[in-house]
Amino acid sequence: MRTYIGRQQAISAGDFVELALGTPVELWLGVEGETDEERVARQEAARDILAENPGLPDDVARIAAEVIEAHAPELFNVVPLIRPAGRRRPSRKGAAA
């Protein structure tokens, strides 16, 4: 089964992220082994993109929240842990001695 976003085929998770952001992830995170000149150029390009699209950080946060909500709801289901009967926490008074 093939997945397309617009006219672009998305094969990997990275493809989905790139298509959602409109830019490659490496632009924002960098790549291992990049030179100082490459890093400066990448950061300048990122600044230009943010200047042209100041809502991009909000869009990214919204997309991330939607993905987490849709695919990892168990992250938000906090369940208190129950201690077994008869076990007590050690006193902090004795810990300092």
PDB file of N, CA and C in Angstrom:
ATOM      1  N   MET A   1       0.843  -1.169   0.000  1.00  0.00           N
ATOM      2  CA  MET A   1       0.000   0.000   0.000  1.00  0.00           C
ATOM      3  C   MET A   1       0.891   1.236   0.000  1.00  0.00           C
ATOM      4  N   ARG A   2       0.558   2.193  -0.827  1.00  0.00           N
ATOM      5  CA  ARG A   2       1.333   3.423  -0.923  1.00  0.00           C
ATOM      6  C   ARG A   2       0.567   4.569  -0.281  1.00  0.00           C
ATOM      7  N   THR A   3       1.317   5.465   0.340  1.00  0.00           N
ATOM      8  CA  THR A   3       0.712   6.619   0.984  1.00  0.00           C
ATOM      9  C   THR A   3       1.232   7.877   0.300  1.00  0.00           C
ATOM     10  N   TYR A   4       0.302   8.734  -0.092  1.00  0.00           N
ATOM     11  CA  TYR A   4       0.665   9.987  -0.734  1.00  0.00           C
ATOM     12  C   TYR A   4       0.124  11.151   0.083  1.00  0.00           C
ATOM     13  N   ILE A   5       0.932  12.183   0.167  1.00  0.00           N
ATOM     14  CA  ILE A   5       0.496  13.443   0.750  1.00  0.00           C
ATOM     15  C   ILE A   5       0.645  14.454  -0.376  1.00  0.00           C
ATOM     16  N   GLY A   6      -0.494  14.920  -0.868  1.00  0.00           N
ATOM     17  CA  GLY A   6      -0.471  15.723  -2.083  1.00  0.00           C
ATOM     18  C   GLY A   6      -0.028  14.820  -3.215  1.00  0.00           C
ATOM     19  N   ARG A   7       0.995  15.231  -3.928  1.00  0.00           N
ATOM     20  CA  ARG A   7       1.525  14.387  -5.006  1.00  0.00           C
ATOM     21  C   ARG A   7       2.791  13.654  -4.596  1.00  0.00           C
ATOM     22  N   GLN A   8       3.193  13.805  -3.330  1.00  0.00           N
ATOM     23  CA  GLN A   8       4.427  13.194  -2.850  1.00  0.00           C
ATOM     24  C   GLN A   8       4.151  11.874  -2.139  1.00  0.00           C
ATOM     25  N   GLN A   9       4.937  10.865  -2.461  1.00  0.00           N
ATOM     26  CA  GLN A   9       4.810   9.588  -1.771  1.00  0.00           C
ATOM     27  C   GLN A   9       5.627   9.627  -0.490  1.00  0.00           C
ATOM     28  N   ALA A  10       5.010   9.188   0.597  1.00  0.00           N
ATOM     29  CA  ALA A  10       5.695   9.101   1.885  1.00  0.00           C
ATOM     30  C   ALA A  10       5.991   7.632   2.163  1.00  0.00           C
ATOM     31  N   ILE A  11       7.268   7.329   2.308  1.00  0.00           N
ATOM     32  CA  ILE A  11       7.680   5.944   2.535  1.00  0.00           C
ATOM     33  C   ILE A  11       8.067   5.720   3.986  1.00  0.00           C
ATOM     34  N   SER A  12       8.767   6.682   4.555  1.00  0.00           N
ATOM     35  CA  SER A  12       9.272   6.520   5.922  1.00  0.00           C
ATOM     36  C   SER A  12       8.654   7.570   6.840  1.00  0.00           C
ATOM     37  N   ALA A  13       8.895   7.404   8.135  1.00  0.00           N
ATOM     38  CA  ALA A  13       8.430   8.393   9.108  1.00  0.00           C
ATOM     39  C   ALA A  13       9.061   9.746   8.815  1.00  0.00           C
ATOM     40  N   GLY A  14      10.321   9.745   8.396  1.00  0.00           N
ATOM     41  CA  GLY A  14      10.999  10.985   8.034  1.00  0.00           C
ATOM     42  C   GLY A  14      10.316  11.691   6.876  1.00  0.00           C
ATOM     43  N   ASP A  15       9.823  10.909   5.920  1.00  0.00           N
ATOM     44  CA  ASP A  15       9.085  11.496   4.796  1.00  0.00           C
ATOM     45  C   ASP A  15       7.827  12.206   5.276  1.00  0.00           C
ATOM     46  N   PHE A  16       7.107  11.569   6.198  1.00  0.00           N
ATOM     47  CA  PHE A  16       5.888  12.178   6.725  1.00  0.00           C
ATOM     48  C   PHE A  16       6.212  13.481   7.449  1.00  0.00           C
ATOM     49  N   VAL A  17       7.271  13.474   8.241  1.00  0.00           N
ATOM     50  CA  VAL A  17       7.663  14.677   8.978  1.00  0.00           C
ATOM     51  C   VAL A  17       8.050  15.776   7.993  1.00  0.00           C
ATOM     52  N   GLU A  18       8.860  15.438   7.000  1.00  0.00           N
ATOM     53  CA  GLU A  18       9.292  16.431   6.020  1.00  0.00           C
ATOM     54  C   GLU A  18       8.107  17.013   5.256  1.00  0.00           C
ATOM     55  N   LEU A  19       7.169  16.167   4.872  1.00  0.00           N
ATOM     56  CA  LEU A  19       6.001  16.659   4.153  1.00  0.00           C
ATOM     57  C   LEU A  19       5.092  17.495   5.053  1.00  0.00           C
ATOM     58  N   ALA A  20       5.016  17.145   6.320  1.00  0.00           N
ATOM     59  CA  ALA A  20       4.201  17.928   7.251  1.00  0.00           C
ATOM     60  C   ALA A  20       4.829  19.296   7.518  1.00  0.00           C
ATOM     61  N   LEU A  21       6.148  19.328   7.657  1.00  0.00           N
ATOM     62  CA  LEU A  21       6.843  20.580   7.942  1.00  0.00           C
ATOM     63  C   LEU A  21       7.061  21.424   6.691  1.00  0.00           C
ATOM     64  N   GLY A  22       7.198  20.750   5.566  1.00  0.00           N
ATOM     65  CA  GLY A  22       7.536  21.460   4.345  1.00  0.00           C
ATOM     66  C   GLY A  22       9.035  21.666   4.191  1.00  0.00           C
ATOM     67  N   THR A  23       9.812  21.137   5.106  1.00  0.00           N
ATOM     68  CA  THR A  23      11.275  21.224   5.059  1.00  0.00           C
ATOM     69  C   THR A  23      11.859  19.921   5.583  1.00  0.00           C
ATOM     70  N   PRO A  24      13.076  19.592   5.175  1.00  0.00           N
ATOM     71  CA  PRO A  24      13.694  18.390   5.719  1.00  0.00           C
ATOM     72  C   PRO A  24      14.049  18.574   7.194  1.00  0.00           C
ATOM     73  N   VAL A  25      13.924  17.520   7.963  1.00  0.00           N
ATOM     74  CA  VAL A  25      14.221  17.560   9.395  1.00  0.00           C
ATOM     75  C   VAL A  25      15.674  17.961   9.634  1.00  0.00           C
ATOM     76  N   GLU A  26      16.562  17.539   8.752  1.00  0.00           N
ATOM     77  CA  GLU A  26      17.985  17.843   8.908  1.00  0.00           C
ATOM     78  C   GLU A  26      18.253  19.349   8.921  1.00  0.00           C
ATOM     79  N   LEU A  27      17.382  20.118   8.276  1.00  0.00           N
ATOM     80  CA  LEU A  27      17.559  21.567   8.292  1.00  0.00           C
ATOM     81  C   LEU A  27      17.505  22.099   9.714  1.00  0.00           C
ATOM     82  N   TRP A  28      16.665  21.522  10.536  1.00  0.00           N
ATOM     83  CA  TRP A  28      16.464  22.002  11.900  1.00  0.00           C
ATOM     84  C   TRP A  28      17.390  21.310  12.884  1.00  0.00           C
ATOM     85  N   LEU A  29      17.698  20.043  12.650  1.00  0.00           N
ATOM     86  CA  LEU A  29      18.497  19.275  13.608  1.00  0.00           C
ATOM     87  C   LEU A  29      19.965  19.157  13.238  1.00  0.00           C
ATOM     88  N   GLY A  30      20.275  19.404  11.985  1.00  0.00           N
ATOM     89  CA  GLY A  30      21.645  19.242  11.528  1.00  0.00           C
ATOM     90  C   GLY A  30      21.943  17.785  11.223  1.00  0.00           C
ATOM     91  N   VAL A  31      23.149  17.555  10.772  1.00  0.00           N
ATOM     92  CA  VAL A  31      23.588  16.193  10.478  1.00  0.00           C
ATOM     93  C   VAL A  31      24.948  15.964  11.127  1.00  0.00           C
ATOM     94  N   GLU A  32      25.186  14.750  11.481  1.00  0.00           N
ATOM     95  CA  GLU A  32      26.455  14.404  12.110  1.00  0.00           C
ATOM     96  C   GLU A  32      27.594  14.658  11.135  1.00  0.00           C
ATOM     97  N   GLY A  33      28.631  15.294  11.634  1.00  0.00           N
ATOM     98  CA  GLY A  33      29.810  15.532  10.819  1.00  0.00           C
ATOM     99  C   GLY A  33      29.751  16.778   9.946  1.00  0.00           C
ATOM    100  N   GLU A  34      28.719  17.608  10.105  1.00  0.00           N
ATOM    101  CA  GLU A  34      28.660  18.811   9.277  1.00  0.00           C
ATOM    102  C   GLU A  34      29.772  19.775   9.687  1.00  0.00           C
ATOM    103  N   THR A  35      30.275  20.504   8.718  1.00  0.00           N
ATOM    104  CA  THR A  35      31.332  21.468   8.994  1.00  0.00           C
ATOM    105  C   THR A  35      30.732  22.729   9.607  1.00  0.00           C
ATOM    106  N   ASP A  36      31.593  23.580  10.136  1.00  0.00           N
ATOM    107  CA  ASP A  36      31.118  24.844  10.693  1.00  0.00           C
ATOM    108  C   ASP A  36      30.420  25.672   9.620  1.00  0.00           C
ATOM    109  N   GLU A  37      30.959  25.667   8.410  1.00  0.00           N
ATOM    110  CA  GLU A  37      30.357  26.426   7.319  1.00  0.00           C
ATOM    111  C   GLU A  37      28.981  25.873   6.957  1.00  0.00           C
ATOM    112  N   GLU A  38      28.857  24.545   6.922  1.00  0.00           N
ATOM    113  CA  GLU A  38      27.560  23.921   6.630  1.00  0.00           C
ATOM    114  C   GLU A  38      26.542  24.256   7.724  1.00  0.00           C
ATOM    115  N   ARG A  39      26.990  24.236   8.975  1.00  0.00           N
ATOM    116  CA  ARG A  39      26.085  24.556  10.082  1.00  0.00           C
ATOM    117  C   ARG A  39      25.598  25.992   9.989  1.00  0.00           C
ATOM    118  N   VAL A  40      26.512  26.923   9.703  1.00  0.00           N
ATOM    119  CA  VAL A  40      26.140  28.333   9.581  1.00  0.00           C
ATOM    120  C   VAL A  40      25.142  28.513   8.438  1.00  0.00           C
ATOM    121  N   ALA A  41      25.399  27.887   7.296  1.00  0.00           N
ATOM    122  CA  ALA A  41      24.492  28.001   6.150  1.00  0.00           C
ATOM    123  C   ALA A  41      23.127  27.406   6.475  1.00  0.00           C
ATOM    124  N   ARG A  42      23.125  26.261   7.163  1.00  0.00           N
ATOM    125  CA  ARG A  42      21.858  25.612   7.540  1.00  0.00           C
ATOM    126  C   ARG A  42      21.067  26.501   8.485  1.00  0.00           C
ATOM    127  N   GLN A  43      21.746  27.070   9.470  1.00  0.00           N
ATOM    128  CA  GLN A  43      21.058  27.932  10.430  1.00  0.00           C
ATOM    129  C   GLN A  43      20.533  29.210   9.770  1.00  0.00           C
ATOM    130  N   GLU A  44      21.286  29.766   8.826  1.00  0.00           N
ATOM    131  CA  GLU A  44      20.805  30.941   8.098  1.00  0.00           C
ATOM    132  C   GLU A  44      19.560  30.608   7.284  1.00  0.00           C
ATOM    133  N   ALA A  45      19.564  29.447   6.632  1.00  0.00           N
ATOM    134  CA  ALA A  45      18.390  29.025   5.866  1.00  0.00           C
ATOM    135  C   ALA A  45      17.188  28.839   6.792  1.00  0.00           C
ATOM    136  N   ALA A  46      17.421  28.250   7.954  1.00  0.00           N
ATOM    137  CA  ALA A  46      16.333  28.049   8.918  1.00  0.00           C
ATOM    138  C   ALA A  46      15.786  29.391   9.397  1.00  0.00           C
ATOM    139  N   ARG A  47      16.665  30.349   9.658  1.00  0.00           N
ATOM    140  CA  ARG A  47      16.208  31.687  10.064  1.00  0.00           C
ATOM    141  C   ARG A  47      15.373  32.340   8.970  1.00  0.00           C
ATOM    142  N   ASP A  48      15.801  32.185   7.728  1.00  0.00           N
ATOM    143  CA  ASP A  48      15.033  32.751   6.605  1.00  0.00           C
ATOM    144  C   ASP A  48      13.644  32.127   6.521  1.00  0.00           C
ATOM    145  N   ILE A  49      13.572  30.822   6.698  1.00  0.00           N
ATOM    146  CA  ILE A  49      12.274  30.128   6.647  1.00  0.00           C
ATOM    147  C   ILE A  49      11.377  30.603   7.782  1.00  0.00           C
ATOM    148  N   LEU A  50      11.937  30.741   8.984  1.00  0.00           N
ATOM    149  CA  LEU A  50      11.138  31.219  10.115  1.00  0.00           C
ATOM    150  C   LEU A  50      10.688  32.660   9.917  1.00  0.00           C
ATOM    151  N   ALA A  51      11.523  33.484   9.299  1.00  0.00           N
ATOM    152  CA  ALA A  51      11.144  34.876   9.039  1.00  0.00           C
ATOM    153  C   ALA A  51       9.978  34.942   8.053  1.00  0.00           C
ATOM    154  N   GLU A  52       9.968  34.030   7.074  1.00  0.00           N
ATOM    155  CA  GLU A  52       8.895  33.998   6.083  1.00  0.00           C
ATOM    156  C   GLU A  52       7.635  33.324   6.617  1.00  0.00           C
ATOM    157  N   ASN A  53       7.789  32.452   7.605  1.00  0.00           N
ATOM    158  CA  ASN A  53       6.654  31.697   8.137  1.00  0.00           C
ATOM    159  C   ASN A  53       6.745  31.684   9.670  1.00  0.00           C
ATOM    160  N   PRO A  54       6.406  32.806  10.315  1.00  0.00           N
ATOM    161  CA  PRO A  54       6.551  32.869  11.770  1.00  0.00           C
ATOM    162  C   PRO A  54       5.627  31.913  12.534  1.00  0.00           C
ATOM    163  N   GLY A  55       4.609  31.371  11.889  1.00  0.00           N
ATOM    164  CA  GLY A  55       3.710  30.426  12.544  1.00  0.00           C
ATOM    165  C   GLY A  55       4.215  28.994  12.525  1.00  0.00           C
ATOM    166  N   LEU A  56       5.347  28.752  11.881  1.00  0.00           N
ATOM    167  CA  LEU A  56       5.855  27.385  11.761  1.00  0.00           C
ATOM    168  C   LEU A  56       6.094  26.701  13.108  1.00  0.00           C
ATOM    169  N   PRO A  57       6.721  27.360  14.102  1.00  0.00           N
ATOM    170  CA  PRO A  57       6.901  26.664  15.389  1.00  0.00           C
ATOM    171  C   PRO A  57       5.571  26.225  16.012  1.00  0.00           C
ATOM    172  N   ASP A  58       4.538  27.065  15.909  1.00  0.00           N
ATOM    173  CA  ASP A  58       3.227  26.682  16.438  1.00  0.00           C
ATOM    174  C   ASP A  58       2.645  25.510  15.662  1.00  0.00           C
ATOM    175  N   ASP A  59       2.836  25.511  14.343  1.00  0.00           N
ATOM    176  CA  ASP A  59       2.346  24.401  13.525  1.00  0.00           C
ATOM    177  C   ASP A  59       3.039  23.101  13.901  1.00  0.00           C
ATOM    178  N   VAL A  60       4.350  23.175  14.120  1.00  0.00           N
ATOM    179  CA  VAL A  60       5.123  21.980  14.497  1.00  0.00           C
ATOM    180  C   VAL A  60       4.656  21.453  15.849  1.00  0.00           C
ATOM    181  N   ALA A  61       4.450  22.349  16.799  1.00  0.00           N
ATOM    182  CA  ALA A  61       3.977  21.927  18.126  1.00  0.00           C
ATOM    183  C   ALA A  61       2.594  21.287  18.021  1.00  0.00           C
ATOM    184  N   ARG A  62       1.726  21.850  17.198  1.00  0.00           N
ATOM    185  CA  ARG A  62       0.380  21.297  17.018  1.00  0.00           C
ATOM    186  C   ARG A  62       0.456  19.907  16.385  1.00  0.00           C
ATOM    187  N   ILE A  63       1.274  19.772  15.355  1.00  0.00           N
ATOM    188  CA  ILE A  63       1.424  18.470  14.690  1.00  0.00           C
ATOM    189  C   ILE A  63       1.956  17.430  15.665  1.00  0.00           C
ATOM    190  N   ALA A  64       2.975  17.803  16.439  1.00  0.00           N
ATOM    191  CA  ALA A  64       3.545  16.863  17.413  1.00  0.00           C
ATOM    192  C   ALA A  64       2.508  16.448  18.444  1.00  0.00           C
ATOM    193  N   ALA A  65       1.737  17.406  18.936  1.00  0.00           N
ATOM    194  CA  ALA A  65       0.700  17.083  19.922  1.00  0.00           C
ATOM    195  C   ALA A  65      -0.360  16.168  19.327  1.00  0.00           C
ATOM    196  N   GLU A  66      -0.754  16.414  18.086  1.00  0.00           N
ATOM    197  CA  GLU A  66      -1.756  15.557  17.444  1.00  0.00           C
ATOM    198  C   GLU A  66      -1.239  14.138  17.241  1.00  0.00           C
ATOM    199  N   VAL A  67       0.025  14.018  16.862  1.00  0.00           N
ATOM    200  CA  VAL A  67       0.612  12.687  16.664  1.00  0.00           C
ATOM    201  C   VAL A  67       0.681  11.941  17.986  1.00  0.00           C
ATOM    202  N   ILE A  68       1.125  12.626  19.028  1.00  0.00           N
ATOM    203  CA  ILE A  68       1.211  11.978  20.342  1.00  0.00           C
ATOM    204  C   ILE A  68      -0.179  11.579  20.817  1.00  0.00           C
ATOM    205  N   GLU A  69      -1.132  12.461  20.670  1.00  0.00           N
ATOM    206  CA  GLU A  69      -2.494  12.166  21.117  1.00  0.00           C
ATOM    207  C   GLU A  69      -3.090  10.986  20.353  1.00  0.00           C
ATOM    208  N   ALA A  70      -2.823  10.922  19.060  1.00  0.00           N
ATOM    209  CA  ALA A  70      -3.405   9.863  18.230  1.00  0.00           C
ATOM    210  C   ALA A  70      -2.709   8.518  18.396  1.00  0.00           C
ATOM    211  N   HIS A  71      -1.399   8.533  18.610  1.00  0.00           N
ATOM    212  CA  HIS A  71      -0.646   7.279  18.567  1.00  0.00           C
ATOM    213  C   HIS A  71      -0.055   6.833  19.890  1.00  0.00           C
ATOM    214  N   ALA A  72      -0.128   7.657  20.903  1.00  0.00           N
ATOM    215  CA  ALA A  72       0.438   7.253  22.180  1.00  0.00           C
ATOM    216  C   ALA A  72      -0.419   7.749  23.344  1.00  0.00           C
ATOM    217  N   PRO A  73      -1.729   7.432  23.328  1.00  0.00           N
ATOM    218  CA  PRO A  73      -2.580   7.935  24.410  1.00  0.00           C
ATOM    219  C   PRO A  73      -2.170   7.407  25.779  1.00  0.00           C
ATOM    220  N   GLU A  74      -1.495   6.285  25.818  1.00  0.00           N
ATOM    221  CA  GLU A  74      -1.082   5.745  27.111  1.00  0.00           C
ATOM    222  C   GLU A  74      -0.082   6.658  27.818  1.00  0.00           C
ATOM    223  N   LEU A  75       0.561   7.556  27.074  1.00  0.00           N
ATOM    224  CA  LEU A  75       1.474   8.506  27.715  1.00  0.00           C
ATOM    225  C   LEU A  75       0.734   9.469  28.637  1.00  0.00           C
ATOM    226  N   PHE A  76      -0.539   9.688  28.353  1.00  0.00           N
ATOM    227  CA  PHE A  76      -1.319  10.639  29.137  1.00  0.00           C
ATOM    228  C   PHE A  76      -2.169   9.974  30.205  1.00  0.00           C
ATOM    229  N   ASN A  77      -2.206   8.664  30.232  1.00  0.00           N
ATOM    230  CA  ASN A  77      -2.982   7.934  31.230  1.00  0.00           C
ATOM    231  C   ASN A  77      -2.084   7.607  32.419  1.00  0.00           C
ATOM    232  N   VAL A  78      -2.063   8.486  33.376  1.00  0.00           N
ATOM    233  CA  VAL A  78      -1.232   8.302  34.566  1.00  0.00           C
ATOM    234  C   VAL A  78      -2.025   7.506  35.591  1.00  0.00           C
ATOM    235  N   VAL A  79      -1.445   6.426  36.036  1.00  0.00           N
ATOM    236  CA  VAL A  79      -2.094   5.561  37.010  1.00  0.00           C
ATOM    237  C   VAL A  79      -1.222   5.521  38.258  1.00  0.00           C
ATOM    238  N   PRO A  80      -1.783   5.840  39.418  1.00  0.00           N
ATOM    239  CA  PRO A  80      -0.960   5.796  40.636  1.00  0.00           C
ATOM    240  C   PRO A  80      -0.533   4.363  40.946  1.00  0.00           C
ATOM    241  N   LEU A  81       0.705   4.229  41.380  1.00  0.00           N
ATOM    242  CA  LEU A  81       1.203   2.913  41.760  1.00  0.00           C
ATOM    243  C   LEU A  81       0.797   2.639  43.204  1.00  0.00           C
ATOM    244  N   ILE A  82       0.402   1.425  43.451  1.00  0.00           N
ATOM    245  CA  ILE A  82      -0.039   1.026  44.789  1.00  0.00           C
ATOM    246  C   ILE A  82       1.096   0.258  45.443  1.00  0.00           C
ATOM    247  N   ARG A  83       1.453   0.678  46.665  1.00  0.00           N
ATOM    248  CA  ARG A  83       2.494  -0.032  47.405  1.00  0.00           C
ATOM    249  C   ARG A  83       1.906  -1.288  48.031  1.00  0.00           C
ATOM    250  N   PRO A  84       2.690  -2.342  48.037  1.00  0.00           N
ATOM    251  CA  PRO A  84       2.215  -3.558  48.702  1.00  0.00           C
ATOM    252  C   PRO A  84       1.966  -3.288  50.186  1.00  0.00           C
ATOM    253  N   ALA A  85       0.988  -3.976  50.749  1.00  0.00           N
ATOM    254  CA  ALA A  85       0.657  -3.804  52.176  1.00  0.00           C
ATOM    255  C   ALA A  85       1.858  -4.175  53.033  1.00  0.00           C
ATOM    256  N   GLY A  86       2.048  -3.418  54.109  1.00  0.00           N
ATOM    257  CA  GLY A  86       3.106  -3.715  55.060  1.00  0.00           C
ATOM    258  C   GLY A  86       4.445  -3.097  54.722  1.00  0.00           C
ATOM    259  N   ARG A  87       4.575  -2.474  53.591  1.00  0.00           N
ATOM    260  CA  ARG A  87       5.846  -1.836  53.234  1.00  0.00           C
ATOM    261  C   ARG A  87       5.720  -0.343  53.465  1.00  0.00           C
ATOM    262  N   ARG A  88       6.667   0.191  54.168  1.00  0.00           N
ATOM    263  CA  ARG A  88       6.657   1.617  54.460  1.00  0.00           C
ATOM    264  C   ARG A  88       7.895   2.262  53.864  1.00  0.00           C
ATOM    265  N   ARG A  89       7.781   3.536  53.586  1.00  0.00           N
ATOM    266  CA  ARG A  89       8.930   4.291  53.107  1.00  0.00           C
ATOM    267  C   ARG A  89       9.913   4.472  54.255  1.00  0.00           C
ATOM    268  N   PRO A  90      11.200   4.424  53.985  1.00  0.00           N
ATOM    269  CA  PRO A  90      12.184   4.672  55.054  1.00  0.00           C
ATOM    270  C   PRO A  90      12.099   6.128  55.501  1.00  0.00           C
ATOM    271  N   SER A  91      12.357   6.320  56.768  1.00  0.00           N
ATOM    272  CA  SER A  91      12.322   7.666  57.356  1.00  0.00           C
ATOM    273  C   SER A  91      13.492   8.464  56.851  1.00  0.00           C
ATOM    274  N   ARG A  92      13.260   9.732  56.568  1.00  0.00           N
ATOM    275  CA  ARG A  92      14.342  10.605  56.105  1.00  0.00           C
ATOM    276  C   ARG A  92      15.223  11.046  57.264  1.00  0.00           C
ATOM    277  N   LYS A  93      14.735  10.994  58.475  1.00  0.00           N
ATOM    278  CA  LYS A  93      15.543  11.418  59.621  1.00  0.00           C
ATOM    279  C   LYS A  93      16.793  10.565  59.752  1.00  0.00           C
ATOM    280  N   GLY A  94      16.668   9.289  59.579  1.00  0.00           N
ATOM    281  CA  GLY A  94      17.807   8.383  59.726  1.00  0.00           C
ATOM    282  C   GLY A  94      18.744   8.423  58.553  1.00  0.00           C
ATOM    283  N   ALA A  95      18.312   8.955  57.415  1.00  0.00           N
ATOM    284  CA  ALA A  95      19.147   8.957  56.215  1.00  0.00           C
ATOM    285  C   ALA A  95      20.290   9.950  56.308  1.00  0.00           C
ATOM    286  N   ALA A  96      20.135  11.012  57.091  1.00  0.00           N
ATOM    287  CA  ALA A  96      21.168  12.045  57.174  1.00  0.00           C
ATOM    288  C   ALA A  96      22.320  11.634  58.092  1.00  0.00           C
ATOM    289  N   ALA A  97      22.136  10.684  58.964  1.00  0.00           N
ATOM    290  CA  ALA A  97      23.151  10.310  59.945  1.00  0.00           C
ATOM    291  C   ALA A  97      24.256   9.488  59.355  1.00  0.00           C
TER     292      ALA A  97
END
